[in-house]
Amino acid sequence: MQESVCRQIVTVKMKQGLHLRPISEIVRIARDYTCDLKISNGDQSGNAKEVYDLLELKAMPDTQLVLEANGDDASKLMEEIVQFFESGYKKFEELSDLPD
């Protein structure tokens, strides 16, 4: 099977930026696939299968991130991650608005 490479730019839409909860979800999604996924914020990049790598990106609201997937199932992973960035944030926004 031919290995594919996919590249996409997404914008962080959460008002709290990319914090532990959504990062954990990204890692969970990425680990379901065999391909590699790198996420970059400027000249800082990290492995999307590693929580600490993504925390180091310090992605605040309206930050544009570059996603780059490599491998046999790269297009499927990219589709799921882009969908997460476009619509998956809603549940994290709702969780952060809950009273203490």
N, C-alpha and C. Protein backbone atom coordinates (compact mmCIF):
# COMPACT_ATOMS: atom_id res chain seq x y z
N MET A 1 0.84 -1.18 0.00
CA MET A 1 0.00 0.00 0.00
C MET A 1 0.89 1.24 0.00
N GLN A 2 0.48 2.24 -0.78
CA GLN A 2 1.27 3.46 -0.89
C GLN A 2 1.08 4.35 0.33
N GLU A 3 2.19 4.84 0.85
CA GLU A 3 2.15 5.73 2.01
C GLU A 3 1.75 7.12 1.55
N SER A 4 0.86 7.77 2.31
CA SER A 4 0.44 9.11 1.92
C SER A 4 0.87 10.15 2.96
N VAL A 5 0.98 11.37 2.49
CA VAL A 5 1.32 12.50 3.35
C VAL A 5 0.22 13.53 3.19
N CYS A 6 -0.33 13.98 4.31
CA CYS A 6 -1.39 14.98 4.30
C CYS A 6 -0.96 16.17 5.15
N ARG A 7 -1.34 17.35 4.70
CA ARG A 7 -0.99 18.57 5.43
C ARG A 7 -2.21 19.47 5.47
N GLN A 8 -2.47 20.06 6.62
CA GLN A 8 -3.66 20.91 6.80
C GLN A 8 -3.34 21.97 7.85
N ILE A 9 -3.95 23.13 7.70
CA ILE A 9 -3.83 24.19 8.71
C ILE A 9 -5.18 24.33 9.40
N VAL A 10 -5.15 24.35 10.73
CA VAL A 10 -6.37 24.52 11.54
C VAL A 10 -6.15 25.69 12.50
N THR A 11 -7.26 26.22 13.00
CA THR A 11 -7.20 27.32 13.96
C THR A 11 -7.77 26.86 15.30
N VAL A 12 -7.07 27.21 16.36
CA VAL A 12 -7.54 26.89 17.72
C VAL A 12 -8.70 27.82 18.03
N LYS A 13 -9.86 27.23 18.27
CA LYS A 13 -11.08 28.02 18.48
C LYS A 13 -11.51 28.10 19.94
N MET A 14 -10.89 27.33 20.81
CA MET A 14 -11.29 27.35 22.21
C MET A 14 -10.84 28.64 22.89
N LYS A 15 -11.72 29.18 23.73
CA LYS A 15 -11.37 30.44 24.40
C LYS A 15 -10.25 30.25 25.41
N GLN A 16 -9.98 29.02 25.86
CA GLN A 16 -8.88 28.74 26.78
C GLN A 16 -7.64 28.20 26.06
N GLY A 17 -7.68 28.15 24.75
CA GLY A 17 -6.57 27.62 23.99
C GLY A 17 -6.53 26.10 24.06
N LEU A 18 -5.46 25.54 23.58
CA LEU A 18 -5.30 24.09 23.54
C LEU A 18 -4.72 23.64 24.88
N HIS A 19 -5.59 23.16 25.77
CA HIS A 19 -5.16 22.76 27.11
C HIS A 19 -5.27 21.24 27.25
N LEU A 20 -5.09 20.75 28.44
CA LEU A 20 -4.95 19.30 28.68
C LEU A 20 -6.12 18.47 28.18
N ARG A 21 -7.36 18.90 28.40
CA ARG A 21 -8.50 18.07 27.98
C ARG A 21 -8.52 17.84 26.47
N PRO A 22 -8.51 18.89 25.65
CA PRO A 22 -8.52 18.63 24.21
C PRO A 22 -7.24 17.96 23.72
N ILE A 23 -6.11 18.26 24.35
CA ILE A 23 -4.86 17.59 23.98
C ILE A 23 -4.98 16.09 24.23
N SER A 24 -5.56 15.71 25.34
CA SER A 24 -5.75 14.29 25.65
C SER A 24 -6.62 13.61 24.59
N GLU A 25 -7.62 14.32 24.11
CA GLU A 25 -8.49 13.77 23.07
C GLU A 25 -7.73 13.63 21.75
N ILE A 26 -6.92 14.62 21.41
CA ILE A 26 -6.10 14.54 20.19
C ILE A 26 -5.18 13.33 20.25
N VAL A 27 -4.52 13.15 21.40
CA VAL A 27 -3.61 12.01 21.58
C VAL A 27 -4.38 10.69 21.46
N ARG A 28 -5.56 10.62 22.06
CA ARG A 28 -6.37 9.41 21.98
C ARG A 28 -6.72 9.08 20.53
N ILE A 29 -7.13 10.10 19.78
CA ILE A 29 -7.46 9.90 18.37
C ILE A 29 -6.22 9.45 17.60
N ALA A 30 -5.12 10.16 17.77
CA ALA A 30 -3.89 9.87 17.00
C ALA A 30 -3.36 8.46 17.27
N ARG A 31 -3.49 8.00 18.49
CA ARG A 31 -2.97 6.68 18.84
C ARG A 31 -3.81 5.54 18.25
N ASP A 32 -5.00 5.85 17.74
CA ASP A 32 -5.84 4.85 17.07
C ASP A 32 -5.34 4.54 15.66
N TYR A 33 -4.39 5.29 15.17
CA TYR A 33 -3.89 5.15 13.80
C TYR A 33 -2.41 4.75 13.81
N THR A 34 -1.99 4.12 12.73
CA THR A 34 -0.59 3.69 12.64
C THR A 34 0.31 4.80 12.09
N CYS A 35 -0.25 5.75 11.39
CA CYS A 35 0.57 6.81 10.80
C CYS A 35 1.07 7.77 11.87
N ASP A 36 2.01 8.61 11.48
CA ASP A 36 2.55 9.64 12.36
C ASP A 36 1.80 10.94 12.13
N LEU A 37 1.62 11.72 13.18
CA LEU A 37 1.00 13.04 13.06
C LEU A 37 1.84 14.03 13.85
N LYS A 38 2.29 15.05 13.15
CA LYS A 38 3.06 16.12 13.77
C LYS A 38 2.20 17.38 13.75
N ILE A 39 2.17 18.10 14.87
CA ILE A 39 1.45 19.36 14.94
C ILE A 39 2.47 20.45 15.25
N SER A 40 2.41 21.53 14.46
CA SER A 40 3.39 22.62 14.61
C SER A 40 2.71 23.94 14.88
N ASN A 41 3.36 24.73 15.75
CA ASN A 41 2.96 26.10 16.05
C ASN A 41 4.21 26.93 15.82
N GLY A 42 4.29 27.57 14.66
CA GLY A 42 5.50 28.30 14.30
C GLY A 42 6.65 27.32 14.13
N ASP A 43 7.77 27.57 14.82
CA ASP A 43 8.92 26.67 14.68
C ASP A 43 8.94 25.59 15.76
N GLN A 44 7.89 25.54 16.59
CA GLN A 44 7.75 24.50 17.63
C GLN A 44 6.84 23.40 17.08
N SER A 45 7.25 22.14 17.18
CA SER A 45 6.38 21.06 16.73
C SER A 45 6.45 19.89 17.69
N GLY A 46 5.41 19.05 17.62
CA GLY A 46 5.36 17.91 18.51
C GLY A 46 4.63 16.74 17.90
N ASN A 47 4.92 15.57 18.44
CA ASN A 47 4.27 14.33 18.07
C ASN A 47 2.87 14.33 18.68
N ALA A 48 1.85 14.17 17.85
CA ALA A 48 0.46 14.23 18.33
C ALA A 48 0.07 13.02 19.18
N LYS A 49 0.96 12.06 19.32
CA LYS A 49 0.69 10.90 20.16
C LYS A 49 1.28 11.07 21.56
N GLU A 50 1.85 12.26 21.82
CA GLU A 50 2.50 12.54 23.10
C GLU A 50 1.93 13.82 23.73
N VAL A 51 1.29 13.68 24.89
CA VAL A 51 0.67 14.80 25.57
C VAL A 51 1.66 15.94 25.81
N TYR A 52 2.83 15.62 26.35
CA TYR A 52 3.79 16.67 26.70
C TYR A 52 4.29 17.43 25.48
N ASP A 53 4.42 16.75 24.34
CA ASP A 53 4.81 17.44 23.11
C ASP A 53 3.79 18.52 22.75
N LEU A 54 2.51 18.18 22.88
CA LEU A 54 1.45 19.12 22.49
C LEU A 54 1.30 20.24 23.50
N LEU A 55 1.52 19.96 24.77
CA LEU A 55 1.47 21.03 25.77
C LEU A 55 2.54 22.09 25.49
N GLU A 56 3.68 21.64 24.99
CA GLU A 56 4.79 22.55 24.69
C GLU A 56 4.47 23.52 23.55
N LEU A 57 3.43 23.23 22.76
CA LEU A 57 3.06 24.11 21.64
C LEU A 57 2.48 25.43 22.13
N LYS A 58 1.93 25.43 23.35
CA LYS A 58 1.35 26.65 23.94
C LYS A 58 0.43 27.36 22.95
N ALA A 59 -0.53 26.60 22.41
CA ALA A 59 -1.45 27.13 21.40
C ALA A 59 -2.61 27.85 22.07
N MET A 60 -2.62 29.15 21.94
CA MET A 60 -3.66 30.01 22.51
C MET A 60 -4.80 30.16 21.50
N PRO A 61 -5.91 30.78 21.90
CA PRO A 61 -7.02 31.00 20.97
C PRO A 61 -6.56 31.73 19.71
N ASP A 62 -7.11 31.35 18.58
CA ASP A 62 -6.83 31.91 17.26
C ASP A 62 -5.44 31.56 16.71
N THR A 63 -4.72 30.68 17.39
CA THR A 63 -3.44 30.21 16.88
C THR A 63 -3.68 29.28 15.69
N GLN A 64 -2.90 29.46 14.65
CA GLN A 64 -2.98 28.54 13.52
C GLN A 64 -1.92 27.46 13.71
N LEU A 65 -2.37 26.21 13.61
CA LEU A 65 -1.49 25.06 13.75
C LEU A 65 -1.39 24.33 12.42
N VAL A 66 -0.22 23.81 12.13
CA VAL A 66 -0.02 23.01 10.92
C VAL A 66 -0.02 21.54 11.33
N LEU A 67 -0.91 20.78 10.70
CA LEU A 67 -1.00 19.34 10.94
C LEU A 67 -0.34 18.63 9.76
N GLU A 68 0.51 17.65 10.05
CA GLU A 68 1.14 16.88 8.98
C GLU A 68 1.14 15.41 9.36
N ALA A 69 0.39 14.63 8.58
CA ALA A 69 0.27 13.19 8.83
C ALA A 69 0.99 12.43 7.73
N ASN A 70 1.63 11.35 8.11
CA ASN A 70 2.45 10.52 7.25
C ASN A 70 2.15 9.06 7.48
N GLY A 71 1.78 8.32 6.48
CA GLY A 71 1.55 6.90 6.66
C GLY A 71 0.36 6.40 5.88
N ASP A 72 0.12 5.09 5.99
CA ASP A 72 -0.94 4.46 5.22
C ASP A 72 -2.33 5.00 5.52
N ASP A 73 -2.62 5.32 6.76
CA ASP A 73 -3.95 5.80 7.12
C ASP A 73 -3.96 7.30 7.43
N ALA A 74 -3.01 8.03 6.85
CA ALA A 74 -2.86 9.47 7.12
C ALA A 74 -4.10 10.27 6.75
N SER A 75 -4.71 9.98 5.62
CA SER A 75 -5.87 10.78 5.20
C SER A 75 -7.06 10.58 6.15
N LYS A 76 -7.23 9.36 6.66
CA LYS A 76 -8.32 9.10 7.60
C LYS A 76 -8.07 9.82 8.93
N LEU A 77 -6.85 9.76 9.41
CA LEU A 77 -6.51 10.45 10.65
C LEU A 77 -6.69 11.96 10.47
N MET A 78 -6.20 12.49 9.37
CA MET A 78 -6.30 13.93 9.13
C MET A 78 -7.76 14.36 9.10
N GLU A 79 -8.61 13.57 8.48
CA GLU A 79 -10.03 13.89 8.43
C GLU A 79 -10.63 13.96 9.84
N GLU A 80 -10.28 13.00 10.69
CA GLU A 80 -10.82 12.97 12.04
C GLU A 80 -10.28 14.12 12.90
N ILE A 81 -9.00 14.42 12.78
CA ILE A 81 -8.40 15.50 13.57
C ILE A 81 -8.94 16.86 13.12
N VAL A 82 -9.07 17.07 11.83
CA VAL A 82 -9.61 18.34 11.34
C VAL A 82 -11.05 18.51 11.82
N GLN A 83 -11.83 17.44 11.77
CA GLN A 83 -13.20 17.50 12.27
C GLN A 83 -13.20 17.85 13.76
N PHE A 84 -12.27 17.29 14.52
CA PHE A 84 -12.15 17.61 15.94
C PHE A 84 -11.91 19.11 16.13
N PHE A 85 -10.98 19.66 15.36
CA PHE A 85 -10.68 21.08 15.50
C PHE A 85 -11.86 21.94 15.06
N GLU A 86 -12.62 21.49 14.06
CA GLU A 86 -13.74 22.28 13.57
C GLU A 86 -14.98 22.18 14.45
N SER A 87 -15.23 21.02 15.05
CA SER A 87 -16.47 20.86 15.80
C SER A 87 -16.32 20.18 17.16
N GLY A 88 -15.24 19.50 17.40
CA GLY A 88 -15.08 18.75 18.63
C GLY A 88 -14.83 19.59 19.86
N TYR A 89 -14.52 20.85 19.66
CA TYR A 89 -14.23 21.71 20.80
C TYR A 89 -15.45 22.00 21.65
N LYS A 90 -16.63 21.94 21.07
CA LYS A 90 -17.84 22.34 21.78
C LYS A 90 -17.98 21.63 23.12
N LYS A 91 -17.72 20.33 23.17
CA LYS A 91 -17.89 19.62 24.44
C LYS A 91 -16.89 20.10 25.50
N PHE A 92 -15.70 20.54 25.07
CA PHE A 92 -14.72 21.03 26.02
C PHE A 92 -15.09 22.42 26.52
N GLU A 93 -15.69 23.23 25.66
CA GLU A 93 -16.17 24.55 26.07
C GLU A 93 -17.26 24.38 27.12
N GLU A 94 -18.18 23.43 26.88
CA GLU A 94 -19.28 23.19 27.83
C GLU A 94 -18.74 22.72 29.17
N LEU A 95 -17.74 21.85 29.16
CA LEU A 95 -17.15 21.35 30.40
C LEU A 95 -16.49 22.49 31.19
N SER A 96 -15.83 23.40 30.51
CA SER A 96 -15.12 24.47 31.21
C SER A 96 -16.09 25.53 31.76
N ASP A 97 -17.34 25.54 31.26
CA ASP A 97 -18.33 26.50 31.74
C ASP A 97 -19.12 25.98 32.94
N LEU A 98 -18.88 24.75 33.36
CA LEU A 98 -19.61 24.18 34.49
C LEU A 98 -19.22 24.88 35.78
N PRO A 99 -20.18 25.08 36.68
CA PRO A 99 -19.82 25.70 37.97
C PRO A 99 -18.96 24.76 38.81
N ASP A 100 -18.18 25.30 39.71
CA ASP A 100 -17.32 24.48 40.58
C ASP A 100 -18.11 23.70 41.59
